[in-house]
Structure formats: C-alpha cells, structure tokens
Amino acid sequence: MSNIYFITGIGTGIGKTIVSAILTEKLNADYWKPIQSGDLDISDSLLIKHLVSNKKTIIHPERYRLGQPLSPHLSAKIDGVEIATSNINLPQTTNDLVIEGAGGLMVPLNDEELILDLIKKLKAKVIVVSQNYLGSINHTLLTLEVLKSNNIEIEGLIFNGTANQASEDYISNYSNVNILGKIPKLSIIDSESISNSGQYISI
C-alpha cells in the first residue's frame, strides 16, 4: 500500500463523498468506507462505484453497515451491533487507499471511541474537507486544531463548493495547513465531472 488518506469533514453534508470520488479517480486509488450508517441501498460505496471510471480502483466492503441515518454509535445500538475500532482493519491492497469517514472527527462510534480514534488506529494521513458557510471558519480551525493536538499528520485541506476568498485566506493563513485544492460547486455530478475535477486538486 502506498498512501493512506482519511477523508474527514468539518461536519456532515459538506461533500466528503464527492471529494473522495475525485481523489479516488485522480489517483486511481482504492476506496473504503469502514462505517456506513443509513441509506444502504444508495450507500457512499455504491455512489463511488457509479462515479469512478478508471479500471484500477477497487471498492472495499464496509466493515459496518448500519440501517439508520444516525450517528454510528446510535445506529449501531438500534441494530444491535457494537462498533469497536479494534475490529476495523485496513483492507489488503498495494494501491493508494482513500478512506471516507462518517461526519467529522468527534462523531462517536461507541461510548468511548470517536472517528478520531479510528484515524489514529489506521495511521492514515488526513485530508480535511471544508465548505464555506457562516461558522465554517470556526469549524474548520477547530477540526485542524484537534488533529494537530493529537499529532495526526494532516496532508492538507480541500475547499468544496461555492468559494469565499476571505474565509479561505483566513483559514489558510491562520492554520498554516497546505491547501490541496478548491473544488467549485458542480452543477452535474457524474463520472465525467468527477474526472474533470481532478484538475482542481494538487496531490
């Protein structure tokens, strides 16, 4: 395995899956979402399969498939399942691997462990996805600070969606984190737009 990238976000619904698709396609990487919570018939893994067009990518099966669109710890309790990071192991591959998280860093997996603990366990480099909205500076800087305070390697930050140059400049200057790219809001999301969007990311 060459590089292991863990894609996390500053919150839910800010484009982790789209960014994961773009990175997977650009790098011809494998894709893995260890924990899928809700929407099993239209899961993120199925969406990636639909959006990625290269012949090298392998989409690895989820370790946990939970039926409720809730926080993993609660969805697991409803399903009668207990999530444990000790039971989540990297898939075997010699390819680059893009791992997509669930929500942000402090999303609970059980009564004691968070997504943050899963990242530590997997020893992955983190790519943070940010999106501009009122409060996003705070959410982005808090996310980056948690990673830094836990000595987790930050590969960089990707802005996804409508640009806000003032906010992006402030985050860049204050955090001193590498900006990997700025992906504009995509009017159409298909394999062609995903492939073309690789030009916006430097990695």
C-alpha atoms as a PDB file:
ATOM      1  CA  MET A   1       0.000   0.000   0.000  1.00  0.00           C
ATOM      2  CA  SER A   2       1.423   3.373  -0.994  1.00  0.00           C
ATOM      3  CA  ASN A   3      -0.501   6.218   0.647  1.00  0.00           C
ATOM      4  CA  ILE A   4      -3.439   6.031   3.031  1.00  0.00           C
ATOM      5  CA  TYR A   5      -5.655   9.108   3.060  1.00  0.00           C
ATOM      6  CA  PHE A   6      -8.509   9.518   5.527  1.00  0.00           C
ATOM      7  CA  ILE A   7     -11.130  11.981   4.291  1.00  0.00           C
ATOM      8  CA  THR A   8     -12.868  13.811   7.102  1.00  0.00           C
ATOM      9  CA  GLY A   9     -15.016  16.920   7.118  1.00  0.00           C
ATOM     10  CA  ILE A  10     -15.850  19.887   9.280  1.00  0.00           C
ATOM     11  CA  GLY A  11     -19.383  18.493   9.563  1.00  0.00           C
ATOM     12  CA  THR A  12     -21.990  16.406   7.797  1.00  0.00           C
ATOM     13  CA  GLY A  13     -23.136  17.085   4.238  1.00  0.00           C
ATOM     14  CA  ILE A  14     -20.161  19.164   3.119  1.00  0.00           C
ATOM     15  CA  GLY A  15     -19.055  16.921   0.255  1.00  0.00           C
ATOM     16  CA  LYS A  16     -16.750  14.221   1.645  1.00  0.00           C
ATOM     17  CA  THR A  17     -18.085  11.616  -0.768  1.00  0.00           C
ATOM     18  CA  ILE A  18     -17.701  13.870  -3.825  1.00  0.00           C
ATOM     19  CA  VAL A  19     -14.161  14.783  -2.782  1.00  0.00           C
ATOM     20  CA  SER A  20     -13.430  11.101  -2.111  1.00  0.00           C
ATOM     21  CA  ALA A  21     -14.648  10.253  -5.613  1.00  0.00           C
ATOM     22  CA  ILE A  22     -12.469  12.946  -7.178  1.00  0.00           C
ATOM     23  CA  LEU A  23      -9.389  11.806  -5.245  1.00  0.00           C
ATOM     24  CA  THR A  24     -10.056   8.142  -5.973  1.00  0.00           C
ATOM     25  CA  GLU A  25     -10.367   8.854  -9.689  1.00  0.00           C
ATOM     26  CA  LYS A  26      -7.387  11.214  -9.821  1.00  0.00           C
ATOM     27  CA  LEU A  27      -5.081   8.784  -8.000  1.00  0.00           C
ATOM     28  CA  ASN A  28      -6.572   5.568  -9.439  1.00  0.00           C
ATOM     29  CA  ALA A  29      -6.799   4.678  -5.766  1.00  0.00           C
ATOM     30  CA  ASP A  30      -8.863   2.121  -3.890  1.00  0.00           C
ATOM     31  CA  TYR A  31     -11.830   3.360  -1.857  1.00  0.00           C
ATOM     32  CA  TRP A  32     -13.087   2.216   1.527  1.00  0.00           C
ATOM     33  CA  LYS A  33     -15.811   3.475   3.842  1.00  0.00           C
ATOM     34  CA  PRO A  34     -15.402   1.444   7.054  1.00  0.00           C
ATOM     35  CA  ILE A  35     -18.710   2.545   8.580  1.00  0.00           C
ATOM     36  CA  GLN A  36     -21.861   3.226   6.569  1.00  0.00           C
ATOM     37  CA  SER A  37     -24.761   4.486   8.633  1.00  0.00           C
ATOM     38  CA  GLY A  38     -28.101   4.593   6.793  1.00  0.00           C
ATOM     39  CA  ASP A  39     -29.060   4.618   3.093  1.00  0.00           C
ATOM     40  CA  LEU A  40     -27.639   1.150   2.475  1.00  0.00           C
ATOM     41  CA  ASP A  41     -29.367   0.872  -0.907  1.00  0.00           C
ATOM     42  CA  ILE A  42     -27.699   4.090  -2.061  1.00  0.00           C
ATOM     43  CA  SER A  43     -24.563   3.891   0.059  1.00  0.00           C
ATOM     44  CA  ASP A  44     -21.480   6.033  -0.427  1.00  0.00           C
ATOM     45  CA  SER A  45     -19.604   2.978  -1.733  1.00  0.00           C
ATOM     46  CA  LEU A  46     -22.253   2.445  -4.424  1.00  0.00           C
ATOM     47  CA  LEU A  47     -22.087   6.134  -5.353  1.00  0.00           C
ATOM     48  CA  ILE A  48     -18.297   5.951  -5.675  1.00  0.00           C
ATOM     49  CA  LYS A  49     -18.661   2.882  -7.877  1.00  0.00           C
ATOM     50  CA  HIS A  50     -21.007   4.871 -10.125  1.00  0.00           C
ATOM     51  CA  LEU A  51     -18.785   7.962 -10.276  1.00  0.00           C
ATOM     52  CA  VAL A  52     -15.323   6.427 -10.689  1.00  0.00           C
ATOM     53  CA  SER A  53     -14.468   5.331 -14.224  1.00  0.00           C
ATOM     54  CA  ASN A  54     -10.877   4.060 -14.057  1.00  0.00           C
ATOM     55  CA  LYS A  55     -10.213   0.309 -14.196  1.00  0.00           C
ATOM     56  CA  LYS A  56      -7.750   0.154 -11.324  1.00  0.00           C
ATOM     57  CA  THR A  57      -9.910   1.202  -8.367  1.00  0.00           C
ATOM     58  CA  ILE A  58     -11.188  -1.485  -6.025  1.00  0.00           C
ATOM     59  CA  ILE A  59     -14.049  -0.542  -3.706  1.00  0.00           C
ATOM     60  CA  HIS A  60     -13.602  -2.459  -0.477  1.00  0.00           C
ATOM     61  CA  PRO A  61     -16.658  -3.568   1.506  1.00  0.00           C
ATOM     62  CA  GLU A  62     -17.714  -1.688   4.620  1.00  0.00           C
ATOM     63  CA  ARG A  63     -16.828  -3.227   7.984  1.00  0.00           C
ATOM     64  CA  TYR A  64     -20.095  -1.993   9.496  1.00  0.00           C
ATOM     65  CA  ARG A  65     -23.351  -1.469   7.569  1.00  0.00           C
ATOM     66  CA  LEU A  66     -25.904   0.228   9.805  1.00  0.00           C
ATOM     67  CA  GLY A  67     -29.514   0.761   8.832  1.00  0.00           C
ATOM     68  CA  GLN A  68     -30.337   4.111  10.422  1.00  0.00           C
ATOM     69  CA  PRO A  69     -29.191   7.541   9.127  1.00  0.00           C
ATOM     70  CA  LEU A  70     -27.947   8.484  12.583  1.00  0.00           C
ATOM     71  CA  SER A  71     -24.667   8.843  14.418  1.00  0.00           C
ATOM     72  CA  PRO A  72     -22.859   5.477  14.128  1.00  0.00           C
ATOM     73  CA  HIS A  73     -22.986   4.779  17.865  1.00  0.00           C
ATOM     74  CA  LEU A  74     -26.769   5.236  17.986  1.00  0.00           C
ATOM     75  CA  SER A  75     -27.435   3.462  14.702  1.00  0.00           C
ATOM     76  CA  ALA A  76     -25.332   0.543  15.947  1.00  0.00           C
ATOM     77  CA  LYS A  77     -27.317   0.321  19.197  1.00  0.00           C
ATOM     78  CA  ILE A  78     -30.597   0.229  17.253  1.00  0.00           C
ATOM     79  CA  ASP A  79     -29.211  -2.520  15.010  1.00  0.00           C
ATOM     80  CA  GLY A  80     -27.895  -4.490  17.990  1.00  0.00           C
ATOM     81  CA  VAL A  81     -24.289  -4.050  16.874  1.00  0.00           C
ATOM     82  CA  GLU A  82     -21.276  -2.817  18.821  1.00  0.00           C
ATOM     83  CA  ILE A  83     -18.653  -0.899  16.864  1.00  0.00           C
ATOM     84  CA  ALA A  84     -15.060  -1.292  18.011  1.00  0.00           C
ATOM     85  CA  THR A  85     -12.043   0.222  16.297  1.00  0.00           C
ATOM     86  CA  SER A  86     -10.117  -2.944  17.215  1.00  0.00           C
ATOM     87  CA  ASN A  87     -12.325  -4.771  14.705  1.00  0.00           C
ATOM     88  CA  ILE A  88     -11.636  -2.338  11.858  1.00  0.00           C
ATOM     89  CA  ASN A  89      -8.524  -3.265   9.889  1.00  0.00           C
ATOM     90  CA  LEU A  90      -7.126  -1.846   6.677  1.00  0.00           C
ATOM     91  CA  PRO A  91      -8.026  -3.813   3.547  1.00  0.00           C
ATOM     92  CA  GLN A  92      -5.162  -5.542   1.774  1.00  0.00           C
ATOM     93  CA  THR A  93      -4.015  -3.576  -1.261  1.00  0.00           C
ATOM     94  CA  THR A  94      -0.837  -2.322  -2.892  1.00  0.00           C
ATOM     95  CA  ASN A  95      -2.737   0.650  -4.275  1.00  0.00           C
ATOM     96  CA  ASP A  96      -3.226   4.080  -2.743  1.00  0.00           C
ATOM     97  CA  LEU A  97      -6.256   3.989  -0.444  1.00  0.00           C
ATOM     98  CA  VAL A  98      -8.898   6.680   0.094  1.00  0.00           C
ATOM     99  CA  ILE A  99     -10.828   6.134   3.329  1.00  0.00           C
ATOM    100  CA  GLU A 100     -14.019   8.095   3.875  1.00  0.00           C
ATOM    101  CA  GLY A 101     -15.090   8.819   7.421  1.00  0.00           C
ATOM    102  CA  ALA A 102     -18.559   9.416   8.836  1.00  0.00           C
ATOM    103  CA  GLY A 103     -19.264  13.046   9.694  1.00  0.00           C
ATOM    104  CA  GLY A 104     -16.451  14.824  11.497  1.00  0.00           C
ATOM    105  CA  LEU A 105     -13.675  13.927  13.913  1.00  0.00           C
ATOM    106  CA  MET A 106     -15.742  13.876  17.089  1.00  0.00           C
ATOM    107  CA  VAL A 107     -18.518  11.632  15.789  1.00  0.00           C
ATOM    108  CA  PRO A 108     -18.983   8.823  18.338  1.00  0.00           C
ATOM    109  CA  LEU A 109     -18.544   5.185  17.342  1.00  0.00           C
ATOM    110  CA  ASN A 110     -19.362   3.762  20.764  1.00  0.00           C
ATOM    111  CA  ASP A 111     -19.436   5.005  24.355  1.00  0.00           C
ATOM    112  CA  GLU A 112     -15.678   5.607  24.387  1.00  0.00           C
ATOM    113  CA  GLU A 113     -14.348   5.909  20.831  1.00  0.00           C
ATOM    114  CA  LEU A 114     -14.675   8.566  18.145  1.00  0.00           C
ATOM    115  CA  ILE A 115     -13.823   8.821  14.456  1.00  0.00           C
ATOM    116  CA  LEU A 116     -10.641  10.475  15.745  1.00  0.00           C
ATOM    117  CA  ASP A 117      -9.661   7.198  17.437  1.00  0.00           C
ATOM    118  CA  LEU A 118     -10.255   5.288  14.218  1.00  0.00           C
ATOM    119  CA  ILE A 119      -7.891   7.627  12.354  1.00  0.00           C
ATOM    120  CA  LYS A 120      -5.226   7.039  14.997  1.00  0.00           C
ATOM    121  CA  LYS A 121      -5.702   3.293  14.740  1.00  0.00           C
ATOM    122  CA  LEU A 122      -5.438   3.252  10.949  1.00  0.00           C
ATOM    123  CA  LYS A 123      -2.384   5.575  10.969  1.00  0.00           C
ATOM    124  CA  ALA A 124      -3.725   7.457   7.973  1.00  0.00           C
ATOM    125  CA  LYS A 125      -2.841  10.908   6.695  1.00  0.00           C
ATOM    126  CA  VAL A 126      -5.863  13.185   6.962  1.00  0.00           C
ATOM    127  CA  ILE A 127      -7.413  15.348   4.275  1.00  0.00           C
ATOM    128  CA  VAL A 128      -9.982  17.782   5.671  1.00  0.00           C
ATOM    129  CA  VAL A 129     -12.919  18.860   3.522  1.00  0.00           C
ATOM    130  CA  SER A 130     -14.273  22.329   4.247  1.00  0.00           C
ATOM    131  CA  GLN A 131     -17.203  24.219   2.798  1.00  0.00           C
ATOM    132  CA  ASN A 132     -17.980  27.912   3.101  1.00  0.00           C
ATOM    133  CA  TYR A 133     -20.930  28.873   5.295  1.00  0.00           C
ATOM    134  CA  LEU A 134     -21.477  31.093   8.323  1.00  0.00           C
ATOM    135  CA  GLY A 135     -19.433  29.414  11.044  1.00  0.00           C
ATOM    136  CA  SER A 136     -17.194  27.398   8.737  1.00  0.00           C
ATOM    137  CA  ILE A 137     -14.033  29.255   9.779  1.00  0.00           C
ATOM    138  CA  ASN A 138     -14.610  28.175  13.368  1.00  0.00           C
ATOM    139  CA  HIS A 139     -15.486  24.591  12.421  1.00  0.00           C
ATOM    140  CA  THR A 140     -12.503  24.263  10.105  1.00  0.00           C
ATOM    141  CA  LEU A 141      -9.968  25.682  12.553  1.00  0.00           C
ATOM    142  CA  LEU A 142     -11.344  23.544  15.392  1.00  0.00           C
ATOM    143  CA  THR A 143     -11.021  20.415  13.231  1.00  0.00           C
ATOM    144  CA  LEU A 144      -7.448  21.248  12.297  1.00  0.00           C
ATOM    145  CA  GLU A 145      -6.561  22.072  15.905  1.00  0.00           C
ATOM    146  CA  VAL A 146      -7.869  18.705  17.141  1.00  0.00           C
ATOM    147  CA  LEU A 147      -5.757  16.902  14.547  1.00  0.00           C
ATOM    148  CA  LYS A 148      -2.655  18.902  15.456  1.00  0.00           C
ATOM    149  CA  SER A 149      -3.131  18.399  19.200  1.00  0.00           C
ATOM    150  CA  ASN A 150      -3.394  14.646  18.621  1.00  0.00           C
ATOM    151  CA  ASN A 151      -0.205  14.591  16.494  1.00  0.00           C
ATOM    152  CA  ILE A 152      -2.082  13.309  13.447  1.00  0.00           C
ATOM    153  CA  GLU A 153      -0.475  14.021  10.089  1.00  0.00           C
ATOM    154  CA  ILE A 154      -2.518  16.482   8.025  1.00  0.00           C
ATOM    155  CA  GLU A 155      -1.999  16.018   4.308  1.00  0.00           C
ATOM    156  CA  GLY A 156      -3.980  19.161   3.617  1.00  0.00           C
ATOM    157  CA  LEU A 157      -7.281  20.941   3.259  1.00  0.00           C
ATOM    158  CA  ILE A 158      -9.728  20.961   0.354  1.00  0.00           C
ATOM    159  CA  PHE A 159     -12.427  23.598  -0.052  1.00  0.00           C
ATOM    160  CA  ASN A 160     -15.534  22.236  -1.725  1.00  0.00           C
ATOM    161  CA  GLY A 161     -18.375  24.268  -3.223  1.00  0.00           C
ATOM    162  CA  THR A 162     -19.033  27.977  -3.576  1.00  0.00           C
ATOM    163  CA  ALA A 163     -15.874  29.993  -2.982  1.00  0.00           C
ATOM    164  CA  ASN A 164     -15.380  32.613  -0.282  1.00  0.00           C
ATOM    165  CA  GLN A 165     -11.905  34.005  -0.765  1.00  0.00           C
ATOM    166  CA  ALA A 166     -11.844  35.962   2.503  1.00  0.00           C
ATOM    167  CA  SER A 167     -12.738  32.920   4.593  1.00  0.00           C
ATOM    168  CA  GLU A 168     -10.370  30.643   2.691  1.00  0.00           C
ATOM    169  CA  ASP A 169      -7.485  33.093   3.058  1.00  0.00           C
ATOM    170  CA  TYR A 170      -8.078  33.430   6.795  1.00  0.00           C
ATOM    171  CA  ILE A 171      -8.169  29.664   7.326  1.00  0.00           C
ATOM    172  CA  SER A 172      -5.029  29.208   5.236  1.00  0.00           C
ATOM    173  CA  ASN A 173      -3.074  31.976   6.949  1.00  0.00           C
ATOM    174  CA  TYR A 174      -4.125  31.080  10.490  1.00  0.00           C
ATOM    175  CA  SER A 175      -3.755  27.305  10.243  1.00  0.00           C
ATOM    176  CA  ASN A 176      -0.665  27.195   8.015  1.00  0.00           C
ATOM    177  CA  VAL A 177      -2.056  23.968   6.535  1.00  0.00           C
ATOM    178  CA  ASN A 178      -1.387  23.007   2.938  1.00  0.00           C
ATOM    179  CA  ILE A 179      -4.337  23.860   0.664  1.00  0.00           C
ATOM    180  CA  LEU A 180      -4.664  20.919  -1.717  1.00  0.00           C
ATOM    181  CA  GLY A 181      -7.384  22.434  -3.827  1.00  0.00           C
ATOM    182  CA  LYS A 182     -10.636  24.306  -4.288  1.00  0.00           C
ATOM    183  CA  ILE A 183     -13.419  22.402  -5.998  1.00  0.00           C
ATOM    184  CA  PRO A 184     -16.170  24.598  -7.438  1.00  0.00           C
ATOM    185  CA  LYS A 185     -19.818  23.697  -6.939  1.00  0.00           C
ATOM    186  CA  LEU A 186     -20.619  21.039  -9.521  1.00  0.00           C
ATOM    187  CA  SER A 187     -23.849  21.603 -11.452  1.00  0.00           C
ATOM    188  CA  ILE A 188     -23.791  17.998 -12.674  1.00  0.00           C
ATOM    189  CA  ILE A 189     -22.301  15.129 -10.693  1.00  0.00           C
ATOM    190  CA  ASP A 190     -21.330  12.251 -12.957  1.00  0.00           C
ATOM    191  CA  SER A 191     -18.209  10.314 -13.892  1.00  0.00           C
ATOM    192  CA  GLU A 192     -17.126  12.974 -16.383  1.00  0.00           C
ATOM    193  CA  SER A 193     -17.408  15.883 -13.944  1.00  0.00           C
ATOM    194  CA  ILE A 194     -15.647  13.838 -11.256  1.00  0.00           C
ATOM    195  CA  SER A 195     -12.787  13.034 -13.625  1.00  0.00           C
ATOM    196  CA  ASN A 196     -12.510  16.651 -14.796  1.00  0.00           C
ATOM    197  CA  SER A 197     -12.478  17.944 -11.222  1.00  0.00           C
ATOM    198  CA  GLY A 198      -9.168  16.249 -10.554  1.00  0.00           C
ATOM    199  CA  GLN A 199      -7.531  19.308 -12.082  1.00  0.00           C
ATOM    200  CA  TYR A 200      -8.543  21.340  -9.021  1.00  0.00           C
ATOM    201  CA  ILE A 201      -6.563  19.178  -6.590  1.00  0.00           C
ATOM    202  CA  SER A 202      -2.793  19.008  -6.216  1.00  0.00           C
ATOM    203  CA  ILE A 203      -1.680  15.799  -4.542  1.00  0.00           C
END
